[in-house]
């Protein structure tokens, strides 16, 4: 296995590292596009699970997702290559631009560019949130999806509970809910057989 086998991984992660403006949450839609749509490393459902687990763990979310995708596609070396491909270009760029930052911070052009990028990030995150909400709507049903949305809002915004704890609680409930649904389907199937 040569370095050419890592081309897709390197290109995808470099692209997400360079184009991801605004921190971890803004990079997630880019990583999703590379992993699910372009290279098909994971399914959309698996990406949602990876995102939930990555949110529950400490550290930058984009590097955790890059490490997971690299490990899934090429093992330990793939994880290392993926993380380096994701962080090195921007690390080099920030070091190179550090000297000019002070000269540009008063520029109206730079301030305008930053202001123009913010709505794009907002729309990208909104689209991803909408897609995940629709999956929850279909998977859990309208009542449970709405109820869990309200519970998540209360826990995160009103009670200010750490997102990792909220995700862990919902993952725990997901296991319980899945078991409950399977038991219900099994008992319903047995009762349907008894009626016929």
Protein backbone atom coordinates (compact mmCIF):
# COMPACT_ATOMS: atom_id res chain seq x y z
CA UNK A 1 0.00 0.00 0.00
CA UNK A 2 1.62 3.26 -1.17
CA UNK A 3 1.06 6.92 -0.41
CA UNK A 4 -1.31 7.16 -3.39
CA UNK A 5 -3.84 5.21 -1.30
CA UNK A 6 -3.95 8.19 1.07
CA UNK A 7 -4.60 10.81 -1.64
CA UNK A 8 -8.36 11.06 -1.08
CA UNK A 9 -7.92 11.25 2.68
CA UNK A 10 -5.24 13.95 2.45
CA UNK A 11 -7.13 16.01 -0.16
CA UNK A 12 -10.40 15.80 1.77
CA UNK A 13 -8.87 16.77 5.09
CA UNK A 14 -6.71 19.55 3.64
CA UNK A 15 -9.81 20.97 1.99
CA UNK A 16 -11.79 20.92 5.25
CA UNK A 17 -8.88 22.41 7.17
CA UNK A 18 -8.33 25.26 4.72
CA UNK A 19 -11.97 26.09 3.92
CA UNK A 20 -13.33 25.66 7.46
CA UNK A 21 -13.64 29.22 8.70
CA UNK A 22 -14.91 30.00 12.19
CA UNK A 23 -13.91 27.04 14.35
CA UNK A 24 -15.08 23.47 14.82
CA UNK A 25 -18.84 23.82 14.28
CA UNK A 26 -18.36 25.56 10.93
CA UNK A 27 -16.08 22.73 9.71
CA UNK A 28 -18.63 19.98 10.43
CA UNK A 29 -20.70 20.53 7.24
CA UNK A 30 -17.48 20.48 5.19
CA UNK A 31 -16.29 17.25 6.82
CA UNK A 32 -19.76 15.77 6.29
CA UNK A 33 -19.63 16.65 2.59
CA UNK A 34 -16.20 15.05 2.15
CA UNK A 35 -16.96 11.94 4.24
CA UNK A 36 -20.53 11.24 3.15
CA UNK A 37 -21.10 12.82 -0.26
CA UNK A 38 -17.75 13.02 -2.03
CA UNK A 39 -15.75 10.01 -0.79
CA UNK A 40 -18.55 7.93 0.83
CA UNK A 41 -16.33 6.86 3.75
CA UNK A 42 -19.39 6.68 6.02
CA UNK A 43 -23.17 6.82 5.69
CA UNK A 44 -25.15 9.87 6.76
CA UNK A 45 -26.47 7.98 9.79
CA UNK A 46 -22.98 6.91 10.86
CA UNK A 47 -21.77 10.50 10.47
CA UNK A 48 -24.50 11.62 12.87
CA UNK A 49 -23.35 9.02 15.39
CA UNK A 50 -19.70 10.07 14.99
CA UNK A 51 -20.70 13.70 15.49
CA UNK A 52 -22.60 12.87 18.69
CA UNK A 53 -19.69 10.88 20.13
CA UNK A 54 -17.14 13.53 19.08
CA UNK A 55 -19.22 16.20 20.81
CA UNK A 56 -19.20 14.18 24.02
CA UNK A 57 -15.39 13.87 24.09
CA UNK A 58 -13.03 16.68 25.12
CA UNK A 59 -10.98 18.55 22.55
CA UNK A 60 -11.55 20.14 19.13
CA UNK A 61 -14.35 18.38 17.28
CA UNK A 62 -12.86 18.72 13.79
CA UNK A 63 -9.62 16.95 14.70
CA UNK A 64 -11.51 14.17 16.48
CA UNK A 65 -13.66 13.60 13.40
CA UNK A 66 -10.60 13.72 11.12
CA UNK A 67 -8.88 11.13 13.33
CA UNK A 68 -11.93 8.85 13.29
CA UNK A 69 -12.37 9.05 9.52
CA UNK A 70 -8.67 8.42 8.95
CA UNK A 71 -8.72 5.44 11.31
CA UNK A 72 -11.87 4.03 9.68
CA UNK A 73 -10.43 4.24 6.18
CA UNK A 74 -6.72 3.48 6.71
CA UNK A 75 -6.15 2.43 10.34
CA UNK A 76 -3.76 4.10 12.80
CA UNK A 77 -1.51 5.56 10.10
CA UNK A 78 -4.62 6.89 8.36
CA UNK A 79 -5.68 8.64 11.57
CA UNK A 80 -2.28 10.30 11.89
CA UNK A 81 -2.21 11.34 8.22
CA UNK A 82 -5.78 12.62 8.40
CA UNK A 83 -5.19 14.78 11.48
CA UNK A 84 -1.93 16.19 10.09
CA UNK A 85 -3.57 16.93 6.72
CA UNK A 86 -6.39 18.71 8.53
CA UNK A 87 -4.32 20.87 10.90
CA UNK A 88 -0.96 21.49 9.17
CA UNK A 89 -2.07 23.85 6.36
CA UNK A 90 -3.88 26.20 8.71
CA UNK A 91 -1.14 25.96 11.33
CA UNK A 92 1.46 26.97 8.77
CA UNK A 93 -0.80 29.72 7.44
CA UNK A 94 -1.46 31.22 10.88
CA UNK A 95 2.25 31.24 11.69
CA UNK A 96 3.04 32.87 8.33
CA UNK A 97 0.31 35.51 8.71
CA UNK A 98 0.94 36.33 12.36
CA UNK A 99 3.25 39.23 11.51
CA UNK A 100 0.78 40.83 9.12
CA UNK A 101 -2.19 40.43 11.47
CA UNK A 102 -1.42 43.63 13.34
CA UNK A 103 -1.20 45.61 10.11
CA UNK A 104 -4.53 44.28 8.81
CA UNK A 105 -6.64 44.43 11.98
CA UNK A 106 -7.74 48.03 11.30
CA UNK A 107 -8.52 47.41 7.62
CA UNK A 108 -12.14 47.97 6.61
CA UNK A 109 -11.74 45.47 3.76
CA UNK A 110 -10.76 42.66 6.15
CA UNK A 111 -13.59 43.56 8.53
CA UNK A 112 -16.01 43.45 5.57
CA UNK A 113 -14.72 40.03 4.48
CA UNK A 114 -15.21 38.64 7.99
CA UNK A 115 -18.71 40.08 8.18
CA UNK A 116 -19.58 38.56 4.77
CA UNK A 117 -18.51 35.06 5.82
CA UNK A 118 -20.64 34.88 8.98
CA UNK A 119 -24.03 34.50 7.23
CA UNK A 120 -22.65 31.66 5.08
CA UNK A 121 -21.56 29.75 8.19
CA UNK A 122 -24.96 30.38 9.79
CA UNK A 123 -26.78 28.97 6.73
CA UNK A 124 -24.50 25.90 6.55
CA UNK A 125 -25.07 25.07 10.22
CA UNK A 126 -28.81 25.73 9.84
CA UNK A 127 -29.05 23.32 6.90
CA UNK A 128 -27.21 20.60 8.80
CA UNK A 129 -29.40 21.13 11.89
CA UNK A 130 -32.52 20.92 9.72
CA UNK A 131 -31.36 17.65 8.12
CA UNK A 132 -30.61 16.10 11.52
CA UNK A 133 -34.00 17.30 12.83
CA UNK A 134 -35.77 15.65 9.88
CA UNK A 135 -33.95 12.39 10.57
CA UNK A 136 -35.00 12.56 14.22
CA UNK A 137 -38.55 13.36 13.09
CA UNK A 138 -38.62 10.26 10.87
CA UNK A 139 -36.73 7.96 13.23
CA UNK A 140 -38.37 8.87 16.54
CA UNK A 141 -41.69 10.21 15.37
CA UNK A 142 -43.10 13.72 15.68
CA UNK A 143 -43.90 13.62 19.40
CA UNK A 144 -40.56 12.20 20.58
CA UNK A 145 -38.51 14.42 18.23
CA UNK A 146 -40.28 17.58 19.42
CA UNK A 147 -40.10 16.48 23.06
CA UNK A 148 -36.38 15.72 22.86
CA UNK A 149 -35.75 19.03 21.08
CA UNK A 150 -37.44 20.91 23.91
CA UNK A 151 -35.61 18.87 26.56
CA UNK A 152 -32.25 19.50 24.84
CA UNK A 153 -33.00 23.23 24.65
CA UNK A 154 -33.90 23.39 28.35
CA UNK A 155 -30.85 21.39 29.43
CA UNK A 156 -28.38 23.28 27.24
CA UNK A 157 -29.71 26.84 27.26
CA UNK A 158 -31.75 27.29 30.41
CA UNK A 159 -29.98 24.96 32.85
CA UNK A 160 -26.54 25.45 31.20
CA UNK A 161 -25.58 21.78 31.45
CA UNK A 162 -22.41 20.78 29.59
CA UNK A 163 -23.19 19.46 26.06
CA UNK A 164 -21.13 16.31 26.68
CA UNK A 165 -23.37 15.35 29.60
CA UNK A 166 -26.53 16.03 27.59
CA UNK A 167 -25.24 13.93 24.68
CA UNK A 168 -24.29 11.08 27.04
CA UNK A 169 -27.79 11.16 28.57
CA UNK A 170 -29.44 11.08 25.14
CA UNK A 171 -27.14 8.28 23.95
CA UNK A 172 -28.04 6.30 27.09
CA UNK A 173 -31.72 6.89 26.49
CA UNK A 174 -31.25 5.91 22.82
CA UNK A 175 -30.06 2.45 23.86
CA UNK A 176 -33.04 2.12 26.21
CA UNK A 177 -35.46 3.42 23.55
CA UNK A 178 -34.10 1.06 20.89
CA UNK A 179 -34.52 -1.90 23.24
CA UNK A 180 -38.07 -0.78 24.05
CA UNK A 181 -39.00 -0.44 20.36
CA UNK A 182 -37.59 -3.87 19.53
CA UNK A 183 -39.51 -5.49 22.40
CA UNK A 184 -42.70 -3.72 21.30
CA UNK A 185 -42.27 -4.90 17.69
CA UNK A 186 -41.54 -8.43 18.87
CA UNK A 187 -44.60 -8.57 21.13
CA UNK A 188 -46.78 -6.97 18.43
CA UNK A 189 -45.56 -9.55 15.88
CA UNK A 190 -46.38 -12.42 18.27
CA UNK A 191 -49.85 -10.99 19.01
CA UNK A 192 -50.52 -10.54 15.28
CA UNK A 193 -49.61 -14.20 14.72
CA UNK A 194 -51.95 -15.23 17.53
CA UNK A 195 -54.86 -13.28 16.00
CA UNK A 196 -54.40 -14.77 12.53
